[in-house]
Amino acid sequence: MSTVTTHVLDTARGLPAQGVPVQLHRLVPPEPAPVGSGTTDADGRITDLTSGQLEPGTYQLRFDVAAYAAASGQDIFFPEVIVTFTITDERHYHVPLLLSPFAYSTYRGS
């Protein structure tokens, strides 16, 4: 079984992105099934997206960037960021998001 955490950094402001709502979904037909959610803390992190372990499969992290933009007084081009990834084995998966008003990037963290 696996776990997932995330970390959001506002690269334009050079700060952790506090208050970003995030949902974790497992992609299973006929539509995605929610398996966890949270809001980034003062350090931009969510360490408890789910209450349990995750089975292998394809998942999505959905970042509500519009809510963060409104709260931080910014105009952001992408109102939502969806990151799709695959859990293949039993380990910890960390999926950070680097955010700016007109771009974002992500990677598999440690």
PDB file of N, CA and C in Angstrom:
ATOM      1  N   MET A   1       0.829  -1.182   0.000  1.00  0.00           N
ATOM      2  CA  MET A   1       0.000   0.000   0.000  1.00  0.00           C
ATOM      3  C   MET A   1       0.876   1.250   0.000  1.00  0.00           C
ATOM      4  N   SER A   2       0.360   2.355  -0.540  1.00  0.00           N
ATOM      5  CA  SER A   2       1.132   3.578  -0.717  1.00  0.00           C
ATOM      6  C   SER A   2       0.445   4.769  -0.074  1.00  0.00           C
ATOM      7  N   THR A   3       1.219   5.854   0.103  1.00  0.00           N
ATOM      8  CA  THR A   3       0.697   7.115   0.601  1.00  0.00           C
ATOM      9  C   THR A   3       1.099   8.232  -0.358  1.00  0.00           C
ATOM     10  N   VAL A   4       0.337   9.335  -0.331  1.00  0.00           N
ATOM     11  CA  VAL A   4       0.607  10.487  -1.194  1.00  0.00           C
ATOM     12  C   VAL A   4       0.594  11.753  -0.353  1.00  0.00           C
ATOM     13  N   THR A   5       1.595  12.603  -0.595  1.00  0.00           N
ATOM     14  CA  THR A   5       1.627  13.927   0.008  1.00  0.00           C
ATOM     15  C   THR A   5       1.915  14.940  -1.095  1.00  0.00           C
ATOM     16  N   THR A   6       1.709  16.222  -0.788  1.00  0.00           N
ATOM     17  CA  THR A   6       1.996  17.269  -1.764  1.00  0.00           C
ATOM     18  C   THR A   6       2.523  18.508  -1.056  1.00  0.00           C
ATOM     19  N   HIS A   7       3.106  19.385  -1.845  1.00  0.00           N
ATOM     20  CA  HIS A   7       3.696  20.625  -1.354  1.00  0.00           C
ATOM     21  C   HIS A   7       3.522  21.653  -2.478  1.00  0.00           C
ATOM     22  N   VAL A   8       2.967  22.808  -2.190  1.00  0.00           N
ATOM     23  CA  VAL A   8       2.751  23.833  -3.217  1.00  0.00           C
ATOM     24  C   VAL A   8       3.590  25.057  -2.860  1.00  0.00           C
ATOM     25  N   LEU A   9       4.400  25.477  -3.828  1.00  0.00           N
ATOM     26  CA  LEU A   9       5.220  26.666  -3.654  1.00  0.00           C
ATOM     27  C   LEU A   9       4.817  27.728  -4.670  1.00  0.00           C
ATOM     28  N   ASP A  10       4.621  28.948  -4.212  1.00  0.00           N
ATOM     29  CA  ASP A  10       4.313  30.080  -5.078  1.00  0.00           C
ATOM     30  C   ASP A  10       5.650  30.682  -5.500  1.00  0.00           C
ATOM     31  N   THR A  11       6.116  30.323  -6.682  1.00  0.00           N
ATOM     32  CA  THR A  11       7.448  30.753  -7.121  1.00  0.00           C
ATOM     33  C   THR A  11       7.501  32.245  -7.452  1.00  0.00           C
ATOM     34  N   ALA A  12       6.372  32.859  -7.785  1.00  0.00           N
ATOM     35  CA  ALA A  12       6.355  34.291  -8.079  1.00  0.00           C
ATOM     36  C   ALA A  12       6.566  35.117  -6.805  1.00  0.00           C
ATOM     37  N   ARG A  13       6.004  34.644  -5.711  1.00  0.00           N
ATOM     38  CA  ARG A  13       6.132  35.357  -4.442  1.00  0.00           C
ATOM     39  C   ARG A  13       7.303  34.833  -3.608  1.00  0.00           C
ATOM     40  N   GLY A  14       7.827  33.675  -3.983  1.00  0.00           N
ATOM     41  CA  GLY A  14       8.918  33.088  -3.226  1.00  0.00           C
ATOM     42  C   GLY A  14       8.489  32.580  -1.864  1.00  0.00           C
ATOM     43  N   LEU A  15       7.236  32.083  -1.795  1.00  0.00           N
ATOM     44  CA  LEU A  15       6.663  31.639  -0.527  1.00  0.00           C
ATOM     45  C   LEU A  15       5.915  30.327  -0.691  1.00  0.00           C
ATOM     46  N   PRO A  16       5.730  29.588   0.402  1.00  0.00           N
ATOM     47  CA  PRO A  16       4.820  28.444   0.342  1.00  0.00           C
ATOM     48  C   PRO A  16       3.408  28.952   0.041  1.00  0.00           C
ATOM     49  N   ALA A  17       2.645  28.178  -0.696  1.00  0.00           N
ATOM     50  CA  ALA A  17       1.273  28.555  -1.041  1.00  0.00           C
ATOM     51  C   ALA A  17       0.322  27.997   0.009  1.00  0.00           C
ATOM     52  N   GLN A  18       0.007  28.817   0.983  1.00  0.00           N
ATOM     53  CA  GLN A  18      -0.889  28.416   2.069  1.00  0.00           C
ATOM     54  C   GLN A  18      -2.337  28.532   1.622  1.00  0.00           C
ATOM     55  N   GLY A  19      -3.170  27.565   1.991  1.00  0.00           N
ATOM     56  CA  GLY A  19      -4.607  27.643   1.754  1.00  0.00           C
ATOM     57  C   GLY A  19      -5.069  27.120   0.410  1.00  0.00           C
ATOM     58  N   VAL A  20      -4.272  26.287  -0.249  1.00  0.00           N
ATOM     59  CA  VAL A  20      -4.687  25.709  -1.528  1.00  0.00           C
ATOM     60  C   VAL A  20      -5.505  24.447  -1.255  1.00  0.00           C
ATOM     61  N   PRO A  21      -6.798  24.436  -1.632  1.00  0.00           N
ATOM     62  CA  PRO A  21      -7.582  23.211  -1.491  1.00  0.00           C
ATOM     63  C   PRO A  21      -7.134  22.173  -2.525  1.00  0.00           C
ATOM     64  N   VAL A  22      -6.969  20.934  -2.091  1.00  0.00           N
ATOM     65  CA  VAL A  22      -6.505  19.861  -2.962  1.00  0.00           C
ATOM     66  C   VAL A  22      -7.383  18.637  -2.748  1.00  0.00           C
ATOM     67  N   GLN A  23      -7.760  18.000  -3.848  1.00  0.00           N
ATOM     68  CA  GLN A  23      -8.511  16.748  -3.788  1.00  0.00           C
ATOM     69  C   GLN A  23      -7.697  15.657  -4.466  1.00  0.00           C
ATOM     70  N   LEU A  24      -7.760  14.457  -3.903  1.00  0.00           N
ATOM     71  CA  LEU A  24      -7.127  13.288  -4.494  1.00  0.00           C
ATOM     72  C   LEU A  24      -8.219  12.350  -4.965  1.00  0.00           C
ATOM     73  N   HIS A  25      -8.145  11.959  -6.248  1.00  0.00           N
ATOM     74  CA  HIS A  25      -9.127  11.051  -6.842  1.00  0.00           C
ATOM     75  C   HIS A  25      -8.418   9.837  -7.416  1.00  0.00           C
ATOM     76  N   ARG A  26      -9.074   8.692  -7.325  1.00  0.00           N
ATOM     77  CA  ARG A  26      -8.596   7.502  -8.026  1.00  0.00           C
ATOM     78  C   ARG A  26      -9.405   7.398  -9.314  1.00  0.00           C
ATOM     79  N   LEU A  27      -8.721   7.189 -10.433  1.00  0.00           N
ATOM     80  CA  LEU A  27      -9.405   7.100 -11.719  1.00  0.00           C
ATOM     81  C   LEU A  27      -9.877   5.666 -11.933  1.00  0.00           C
ATOM     82  N   VAL A  28     -11.158   5.482 -11.700  1.00  0.00           N
ATOM     83  CA  VAL A  28     -11.798   4.184 -11.911  1.00  0.00           C
ATOM     84  C   VAL A  28     -13.079   4.425 -12.693  1.00  0.00           C
ATOM     85  N   PRO A  29     -13.352   3.593 -13.697  1.00  0.00           N
ATOM     86  CA  PRO A  29     -14.588   3.782 -14.475  1.00  0.00           C
ATOM     87  C   PRO A  29     -15.811   3.609 -13.578  1.00  0.00           C
ATOM     88  N   PRO A  30     -16.884   4.328 -13.826  1.00  0.00           N
ATOM     89  CA  PRO A  30     -17.090   5.226 -14.959  1.00  0.00           C
ATOM     90  C   PRO A  30     -16.605   6.650 -14.718  1.00  0.00           C
ATOM     91  N   GLU A  31     -16.287   7.023 -13.473  1.00  0.00           N
ATOM     92  CA  GLU A  31     -15.786   8.372 -13.215  1.00  0.00           C
ATOM     93  C   GLU A  31     -14.846   8.351 -12.012  1.00  0.00           C
ATOM     94  N   PRO A  32     -14.012   9.379 -11.870  1.00  0.00           N
ATOM     95  CA  PRO A  32     -13.054   9.401 -10.762  1.00  0.00           C
ATOM     96  C   PRO A  32     -13.731   9.297  -9.401  1.00  0.00           C
ATOM     97  N   ALA A  33     -13.100   8.562  -8.489  1.00  0.00           N
ATOM     98  CA  ALA A  33     -13.624   8.391  -7.134  1.00  0.00           C
ATOM     99  C   ALA A  33     -12.756   9.174  -6.154  1.00  0.00           C
ATOM    100  N   PRO A  34     -13.351  10.101  -5.391  1.00  0.00           N
ATOM    101  CA  PRO A  34     -12.561  10.846  -4.414  1.00  0.00           C
ATOM    102  C   PRO A  34     -12.056   9.916  -3.309  1.00  0.00           C
ATOM    103  N   VAL A  35     -10.779  10.069  -2.957  1.00  0.00           N
ATOM    104  CA  VAL A  35     -10.209   9.238  -1.893  1.00  0.00           C
ATOM    105  C   VAL A  35      -9.571  10.077  -0.790  1.00  0.00           C
ATOM    106  N   GLY A  36      -9.496  11.395  -0.980  1.00  0.00           N
ATOM    107  CA  GLY A  36      -8.937  12.244   0.060  1.00  0.00           C
ATOM    108  C   GLY A  36      -8.922  13.696  -0.344  1.00  0.00           C
ATOM    109  N   SER A  37      -8.731  14.557   0.639  1.00  0.00           N
ATOM    110  CA  SER A  37      -8.648  15.986   0.366  1.00  0.00           C
ATOM    111  C   SER A  37      -7.973  16.681   1.538  1.00  0.00           C
ATOM    112  N   GLY A  38      -7.592  17.919   1.298  1.00  0.00           N
ATOM    113  CA  GLY A  38      -6.977  18.724   2.340  1.00  0.00           C
ATOM    114  C   GLY A  38      -6.691  20.110   1.819  1.00  0.00           C
ATOM    115  N   THR A  39      -6.134  20.946   2.676  1.00  0.00           N
ATOM    116  CA  THR A  39      -5.756  22.312   2.329  1.00  0.00           C
ATOM    117  C   THR A  39      -4.326  22.531   2.801  1.00  0.00           C
ATOM    118  N   THR A  40      -3.523  23.153   1.953  1.00  0.00           N
ATOM    119  CA  THR A  40      -2.126  23.342   2.310  1.00  0.00           C
ATOM    120  C   THR A  40      -1.986  24.199   3.573  1.00  0.00           C
ATOM    121  N   ASP A  41      -1.020  23.826   4.388  1.00  0.00           N
ATOM    122  CA  ASP A  41      -0.764  24.531   5.641  1.00  0.00           C
ATOM    123  C   ASP A  41       0.160  25.735   5.414  1.00  0.00           C
ATOM    124  N   ALA A  42       0.636  26.340   6.471  1.00  0.00           N
ATOM    125  CA  ALA A  42       1.480  27.535   6.375  1.00  0.00           C
ATOM    126  C   ALA A  42       2.784  27.276   5.627  1.00  0.00           C
ATOM    127  N   ASP A  43       3.208  26.008   5.569  1.00  0.00           N
ATOM    128  CA  ASP A  43       4.413  25.637   4.831  1.00  0.00           C
ATOM    129  C   ASP A  43       4.081  25.142   3.424  1.00  0.00           C
ATOM    130  N   GLY A  44       2.803  25.269   3.013  1.00  0.00           N
ATOM    131  CA  GLY A  44       2.377  24.844   1.681  1.00  0.00           C
ATOM    132  C   GLY A  44       2.224  23.339   1.539  1.00  0.00           C
ATOM    133  N   ARG A  45       2.158  22.618   2.647  1.00  0.00           N
ATOM    134  CA  ARG A  45       2.155  21.152   2.603  1.00  0.00           C
ATOM    135  C   ARG A  45       0.821  20.546   3.035  1.00  0.00           C
ATOM    136  N   ILE A  46       0.565  19.366   2.482  1.00  0.00           N
ATOM    137  CA  ILE A  46      -0.504  18.502   2.980  1.00  0.00           C
ATOM    138  C   ILE A  46       0.135  17.138   3.201  1.00  0.00           C
ATOM    139  N   THR A  47       0.152  16.711   4.434  1.00  0.00           N
ATOM    140  CA  THR A  47       0.781  15.429   4.761  1.00  0.00           C
ATOM    141  C   THR A  47      -0.239  14.340   5.070  1.00  0.00           C
ATOM    142  N   ASP A  48      -1.528  14.708   5.074  1.00  0.00           N
ATOM    143  CA  ASP A  48      -2.559  13.728   5.429  1.00  0.00           C
ATOM    144  C   ASP A  48      -3.735  13.771   4.447  1.00  0.00           C
ATOM    145  N   LEU A  49      -3.460  13.529   3.176  1.00  0.00           N
ATOM    146  CA  LEU A  49      -4.520  13.555   2.154  1.00  0.00           C
ATOM    147  C   LEU A  49      -5.540  12.437   2.339  1.00  0.00           C
ATOM    148  N   THR A  50      -5.094  11.303   2.825  1.00  0.00           N
ATOM    149  CA  THR A  50      -6.001  10.166   3.007  1.00  0.00           C
ATOM    150  C   THR A  50      -5.872   9.638   4.428  1.00  0.00           C
ATOM    151  N   SER A  51      -6.871   8.897   4.826  1.00  0.00           N
ATOM    152  CA  SER A  51      -6.821   8.296   6.160  1.00  0.00           C
ATOM    153  C   SER A  51      -6.213   6.901   6.120  1.00  0.00           C
ATOM    154  N   GLY A  52      -5.911   6.419   4.930  1.00  0.00           N
ATOM    155  CA  GLY A  52      -5.356   5.072   4.823  1.00  0.00           C
ATOM    156  C   GLY A  52      -4.395   4.946   3.664  1.00  0.00           C
ATOM    157  N   GLN A  53      -4.057   3.725   3.366  1.00  0.00           N
ATOM    158  CA  GLN A  53      -3.124   3.402   2.290  1.00  0.00           C
ATOM    159  C   GLN A  53      -3.851   3.336   0.944  1.00  0.00           C
ATOM    160  N   LEU A  54      -3.123   3.549  -0.138  1.00  0.00           N
ATOM    161  CA  LEU A  54      -3.702   3.545  -1.479  1.00  0.00           C
ATOM    162  C   LEU A  54      -3.250   2.314  -2.259  1.00  0.00           C
ATOM    163  N   GLU A  55      -4.170   1.751  -3.015  1.00  0.00           N
ATOM    164  CA  GLU A  55      -3.884   0.611  -3.872  1.00  0.00           C
ATOM    165  C   GLU A  55      -3.184   1.096  -5.143  1.00  0.00           C
ATOM    166  N   PRO A  56      -2.456   0.217  -5.828  1.00  0.00           N
ATOM    167  CA  PRO A  56      -1.900   0.595  -7.136  1.00  0.00           C
ATOM    168  C   PRO A  56      -3.015   1.045  -8.083  1.00  0.00           C
ATOM    169  N   GLY A  57      -2.708   2.009  -8.940  1.00  0.00           N
ATOM    170  CA  GLY A  57      -3.686   2.525  -9.893  1.00  0.00           C
ATOM    171  C   GLY A  57      -3.311   3.929 -10.332  1.00  0.00           C
ATOM    172  N   THR A  58      -4.210   4.540 -11.087  1.00  0.00           N
ATOM    173  CA  THR A  58      -3.996   5.895 -11.588  1.00  0.00           C
ATOM    174  C   THR A  58      -4.803   6.867 -10.736  1.00  0.00           C
ATOM    175  N   TYR A  59      -4.151   7.960 -10.359  1.00  0.00           N
ATOM    176  CA  TYR A  59      -4.738   8.944  -9.455  1.00  0.00           C
ATOM    177  C   TYR A  59      -4.583  10.347 -10.034  1.00  0.00           C
ATOM    178  N   GLN A  60      -5.393  11.265  -9.499  1.00  0.00           N
ATOM    179  CA  GLN A  60      -5.272  12.674  -9.852  1.00  0.00           C
ATOM    180  C   GLN A  60      -5.254  13.515  -8.593  1.00  0.00           C
ATOM    181  N   LEU A  61      -4.347  14.471  -8.561  1.00  0.00           N
ATOM    182  CA  LEU A  61      -4.377  15.538  -7.571  1.00  0.00           C
ATOM    183  C   LEU A  61      -4.985  16.751  -8.273  1.00  0.00           C
ATOM    184  N   ARG A  62      -6.028  17.325  -7.682  1.00  0.00           N
ATOM    185  CA  ARG A  62      -6.695  18.491  -8.255  1.00  0.00           C
ATOM    186  C   ARG A  62      -6.487  19.681  -7.322  1.00  0.00           C
ATOM    187  N   PHE A  63      -5.720  20.645  -7.800  1.00  0.00           N
ATOM    188  CA  PHE A  63      -5.367  21.822  -7.015  1.00  0.00           C
ATOM    189  C   PHE A  63      -6.302  22.974  -7.385  1.00  0.00           C
ATOM    190  N   ASP A  64      -7.023  23.524  -6.417  1.00  0.00           N
ATOM    191  CA  ASP A  64      -7.942  24.641  -6.645  1.00  0.00           C
ATOM    192  C   ASP A  64      -7.144  25.943  -6.579  1.00  0.00           C
ATOM    193  N   VAL A  65      -6.490  26.263  -7.670  1.00  0.00           N
ATOM    194  CA  VAL A  65      -5.616  27.430  -7.747  1.00  0.00           C
ATOM    195  C   VAL A  65      -6.431  28.724  -7.694  1.00  0.00           C
ATOM    196  N   ALA A  66      -7.655  28.705  -8.209  1.00  0.00           N
ATOM    197  CA  ALA A  66      -8.499  29.906  -8.189  1.00  0.00           C
ATOM    198  C   ALA A  66      -8.775  30.355  -6.754  1.00  0.00           C
ATOM    199  N   ALA A  67      -9.026  29.423  -5.861  1.00  0.00           N
ATOM    200  CA  ALA A  67      -9.282  29.780  -4.460  1.00  0.00           C
ATOM    201  C   ALA A  67      -8.038  30.414  -3.838  1.00  0.00           C
ATOM    202  N   TYR A  68      -6.877  29.849  -4.144  1.00  0.00           N
ATOM    203  CA  TYR A  68      -5.626  30.415  -3.632  1.00  0.00           C
ATOM    204  C   TYR A  68      -5.388  31.811  -4.207  1.00  0.00           C
ATOM    205  N   ALA A  69      -5.628  31.990  -5.502  1.00  0.00           N
ATOM    206  CA  ALA A  69      -5.422  33.290  -6.145  1.00  0.00           C
ATOM    207  C   ALA A  69      -6.316  34.352  -5.511  1.00  0.00           C
ATOM    208  N   ALA A  70      -7.576  34.002  -5.285  1.00  0.00           N
ATOM    209  CA  ALA A  70      -8.500  34.958  -4.683  1.00  0.00           C
ATOM    210  C   ALA A  70      -8.050  35.341  -3.267  1.00  0.00           C
ATOM    211  N   ALA A  71      -7.623  34.371  -2.503  1.00  0.00           N
ATOM    212  CA  ALA A  71      -7.206  34.626  -1.121  1.00  0.00           C
ATOM    213  C   ALA A  71      -5.903  35.415  -1.040  1.00  0.00           C
ATOM    214  N   SER A  72      -5.026  35.243  -2.041  1.00  0.00           N
ATOM    215  CA  SER A  72      -3.729  35.926  -2.011  1.00  0.00           C
ATOM    216  C   SER A  72      -3.711  37.190  -2.874  1.00  0.00           C
ATOM    217  N   GLY A  73      -4.857  37.545  -3.480  1.00  0.00           N
ATOM    218  CA  GLY A  73      -4.958  38.769  -4.258  1.00  0.00           C
ATOM    219  C   GLY A  73      -4.208  38.742  -5.573  1.00  0.00           C
ATOM    220  N   GLN A  74      -4.126  37.579  -6.190  1.00  0.00           N
ATOM    221  CA  GLN A  74      -3.403  37.442  -7.450  1.00  0.00           C
ATOM    222  C   GLN A  74      -4.345  37.098  -8.596  1.00  0.00           C
ATOM    223  N   ASP A  75      -3.920  37.457  -9.798  1.00  0.00           N
ATOM    224  CA  ASP A  75      -4.586  36.989 -11.002  1.00  0.00           C
ATOM    225  C   ASP A  75      -3.784  35.800 -11.505  1.00  0.00           C
ATOM    226  N   ILE A  76      -4.433  34.661 -11.667  1.00  0.00           N
ATOM    227  CA  ILE A  76      -3.747  33.448 -12.118  1.00  0.00           C
ATOM    228  C   ILE A  76      -4.449  32.914 -13.350  1.00  0.00           C
ATOM    229  N   PHE A  77      -3.678  32.560 -14.356  1.00  0.00           N
ATOM    230  CA  PHE A  77      -4.205  32.098 -15.639  1.00  0.00           C
ATOM    231  C   PHE A  77      -4.866  30.716 -15.545  1.00  0.00           C
ATOM    232  N   PHE A  78      -4.300  29.823 -14.757  1.00  0.00           N
ATOM    233  CA  PHE A  78      -4.840  28.467 -14.619  1.00  0.00           C
ATOM    234  C   PHE A  78      -5.652  28.366 -13.326  1.00  0.00           C
ATOM    235  N   PRO A  79      -6.986  28.297 -13.405  1.00  0.00           N
ATOM    236  CA  PRO A  79      -7.797  28.250 -12.192  1.00  0.00           C
ATOM    237  C   PRO A  79      -7.723  26.906 -11.468  1.00  0.00           C
ATOM    238  N   GLU A  80      -7.331  25.869 -12.186  1.00  0.00           N
ATOM    239  CA  GLU A  80      -7.212  24.536 -11.588  1.00  0.00           C
ATOM    240  C   GLU A  80      -6.023  23.831 -12.234  1.00  0.00           C
ATOM    241  N   VAL A  81      -5.286  23.102 -11.422  1.00  0.00           N
ATOM    242  CA  VAL A  81      -4.196  22.282 -11.930  1.00  0.00           C
ATOM    243  C   VAL A  81      -4.525  20.842 -11.572  1.00  0.00           C
ATOM    244  N   ILE A  82      -4.510  19.980 -12.576  1.00  0.00           N
ATOM    245  CA  ILE A  82      -4.762  18.558 -12.364  1.00  0.00           C
ATOM    246  C   ILE A  82      -3.506  17.790 -12.749  1.00  0.00           C
ATOM    247  N   VAL A  83      -2.989  17.023 -11.807  1.00  0.00           N
ATOM    248  CA  VAL A  83      -1.800  16.212 -12.033  1.00  0.00           C
ATOM    249  C   VAL A  83      -2.218  14.750 -11.948  1.00  0.00           C
ATOM    250  N   THR A  84      -2.039  14.034 -13.042  1.00  0.00           N
ATOM    251  CA  THR A  84      -2.382  12.613 -13.101  1.00  0.00           C
ATOM    252  C   THR A  84      -1.104  11.800 -12.992  1.00  0.00           C
ATOM    253  N   PHE A  85      -1.127  10.785 -12.149  1.00  0.00           N
ATOM    254  CA  PHE A  85       0.066   9.958 -11.929  1.00  0.00           C
ATOM    255  C   PHE A  85      -0.362   8.528 -11.604  1.00  0.00           C
ATOM    256  N   THR A  86       0.595   7.626 -11.672  1.00  0.00           N
ATOM    257  CA  THR A  86       0.318   6.212 -11.446  1.00  0.00           C
ATOM    258  C   THR A  86       1.092   5.699 -10.242  1.00  0.00           C
ATOM    259  N   ILE A  87       0.381   5.062  -9.342  1.00  0.00           N
ATOM    260  CA  ILE A  87       1.005   4.358  -8.223  1.00  0.00           C
ATOM    261  C   ILE A  87       1.199   2.918  -8.660  1.00  0.00           C
ATOM    262  N   THR A  88       2.444   2.468  -8.642  1.00  0.00           N
ATOM    263  CA  THR A  88       2.750   1.123  -9.133  1.00  0.00           C
ATOM    264  C   THR A  88       3.224   0.169  -8.055  1.00  0.00           C
ATOM    265  N   ASP A  89       3.719   0.715  -6.948  1.00  0.00           N
ATOM    266  CA  ASP A  89       4.255  -0.164  -5.920  1.00  0.00           C
ATOM    267  C   ASP A  89       4.058   0.461  -4.546  1.00  0.00           C
ATOM    268  N   GLU A  90       4.419  -0.281  -3.525  1.00  0.00           N
ATOM    269  CA  GLU A  90       4.229   0.167  -2.157  1.00  0.00           C
ATOM    270  C   GLU A  90       5.367   1.085  -1.736  1.00  0.00           C
ATOM    271  N   ARG A  91       5.080   2.376  -1.773  1.00  0.00           N
ATOM    272  CA  ARG A  91       6.039   3.368  -1.300  1.00  0.00           C
ATOM    273  C   ARG A  91       5.317   4.691  -1.107  1.00  0.00           C
ATOM    274  N   HIS A  92       6.048   5.657  -0.637  1.00  0.00           N
ATOM    275  CA  HIS A  92       5.512   6.998  -0.457  1.00  0.00           C
ATOM    276  C   HIS A  92       5.681   7.783  -1.758  1.00  0.00           C
ATOM    277  N   TYR A  93       4.627   8.474  -2.182  1.00  0.00           N
ATOM    278  CA  TYR A  93       4.662   9.317  -3.377  1.00  0.00           C
ATOM    279  C   TYR A  93       4.460  10.768  -2.940  1.00  0.00           C
ATOM    280  N   HIS A  94       5.427  11.621  -3.296  1.00  0.00           N
ATOM    281  CA  HIS A  94       5.337  13.044  -2.991  1.00  0.00           C
ATOM    282  C   HIS A  94       5.265  13.790  -4.317  1.00  0.00           C
ATOM    283  N   VAL A  95       4.202  14.588  -4.502  1.00  0.00           N
ATOM    284  CA  VAL A  95       3.960  15.278  -5.770  1.00  0.00           C
ATOM    285  C   VAL A  95       3.886  16.782  -5.505  1.00  0.00           C
ATOM    286  N   PRO A  96       5.009  17.492  -5.624  1.00  0.00           N
ATOM    287  CA  PRO A  96       5.024  18.938  -5.413  1.00  0.00           C
ATOM    288  C   PRO A  96       4.480  19.705  -6.635  1.00  0.00           C
ATOM    289  N   LEU A  97       3.985  20.905  -6.370  1.00  0.00           N
ATOM    290  CA  LEU A  97       3.516  21.799  -7.429  1.00  0.00           C
ATOM    291  C   LEU A  97       4.217  23.139  -7.251  1.00  0.00           C
ATOM    292  N   LEU A  98       4.874  23.609  -8.311  1.00  0.00           N
ATOM    293  CA  LEU A  98       5.487  24.935  -8.336  1.00  0.00           C
ATOM    294  C   LEU A  98       4.553  25.828  -9.143  1.00  0.00           C
ATOM    295  N   LEU A  99       4.111  26.909  -8.556  1.00  0.00           N
ATOM    296  CA  LEU A  99       3.029  27.711  -9.117  1.00  0.00           C
ATOM    297  C   LEU A  99       3.473  29.144  -9.336  1.00  0.00           C
ATOM    298  N   SER A 100       3.057  29.707 -10.480  1.00  0.00           N
ATOM    299  CA  SER A 100       3.232  31.132 -10.740  1.00  0.00           C
ATOM    300  C   SER A 100       1.988  31.603 -11.495  1.00  0.00           C
ATOM    301  N   PRO A 101       1.807  32.899 -11.697  1.00  0.00           N
ATOM    302  CA  PRO A 101       0.578  33.383 -12.315  1.00  0.00           C
ATOM    303  C   PRO A 101       0.303  32.832 -13.717  1.00  0.00           C
ATOM    304  N   PHE A 102       1.343  32.522 -14.491  1.00  0.00           N
ATOM    305  CA  PHE A 102       1.122  32.094 -15.868  1.00  0.00           C
ATOM    306  C   PHE A 102       1.743  30.750 -16.200  1.00  0.00           C
ATOM    307  N   ALA A 103       2.173  29.999 -15.185  1.00  0.00           N
ATOM    308  CA  ALA A 103       2.782  28.704 -15.425  1.00  0.00           C
ATOM    309  C   ALA A 103       2.756  27.864 -14.160  1.00  0.00           C
ATOM    310  N   TYR A 104       2.940  26.565 -14.339  1.00  0.00           N
ATOM    311  CA  TYR A 104       3.132  25.672 -13.206  1.00  0.00           C
ATOM    312  C   TYR A 104       4.000  24.506 -13.679  1.00  0.00           C
ATOM    313  N   SER A 105       4.623  23.849 -12.715  1.00  0.00           N
ATOM    314  CA  SER A 105       5.376  22.633 -13.014  1.00  0.00           C
ATOM    315  C   SER A 105       5.248  21.703 -11.823  1.00  0.00           C
ATOM    316  N   THR A 106       5.518  20.444 -12.092  1.00  0.00           N
ATOM    317  CA  THR A 106       5.426  19.437 -11.047  1.00  0.00           C
ATOM    318  C   THR A 106       6.483  18.374 -11.307  1.00  0.00           C
ATOM    319  N   TYR A 107       6.730  17.560 -10.340  1.00  0.00           N
ATOM    320  CA  TYR A 107       7.708  16.493 -10.460  1.00  0.00           C
ATOM    321  C   TYR A 107       7.444  15.469  -9.375  1.00  0.00           C
ATOM    322  N   ARG A 108       8.080  14.320  -9.492  1.00  0.00           N
ATOM    323  CA  ARG A 108       7.964  13.329  -8.425  1.00  0.00           C
ATOM    324  C   ARG A 108       9.048  13.627  -7.400  1.00  0.00           C
ATOM    325  N   GLY A 109       8.613  14.007  -6.225  1.00  0.00           N
ATOM    326  CA  GLY A 109       9.538  14.351  -5.160  1.00  0.00           C
ATOM    327  C   GLY A 109       9.929  13.133  -4.345  1.00  0.00           C
ATOM    328  N   SER A 110      10.627  13.420  -3.270  1.00  0.00           N
ATOM    329  CA  SER A 110      11.064  12.321  -2.391  1.00  0.00           C
ATOM    330  C   SER A 110      10.441  12.460  -1.012  1.00  0.00           C
TER     331      SER A 110
END
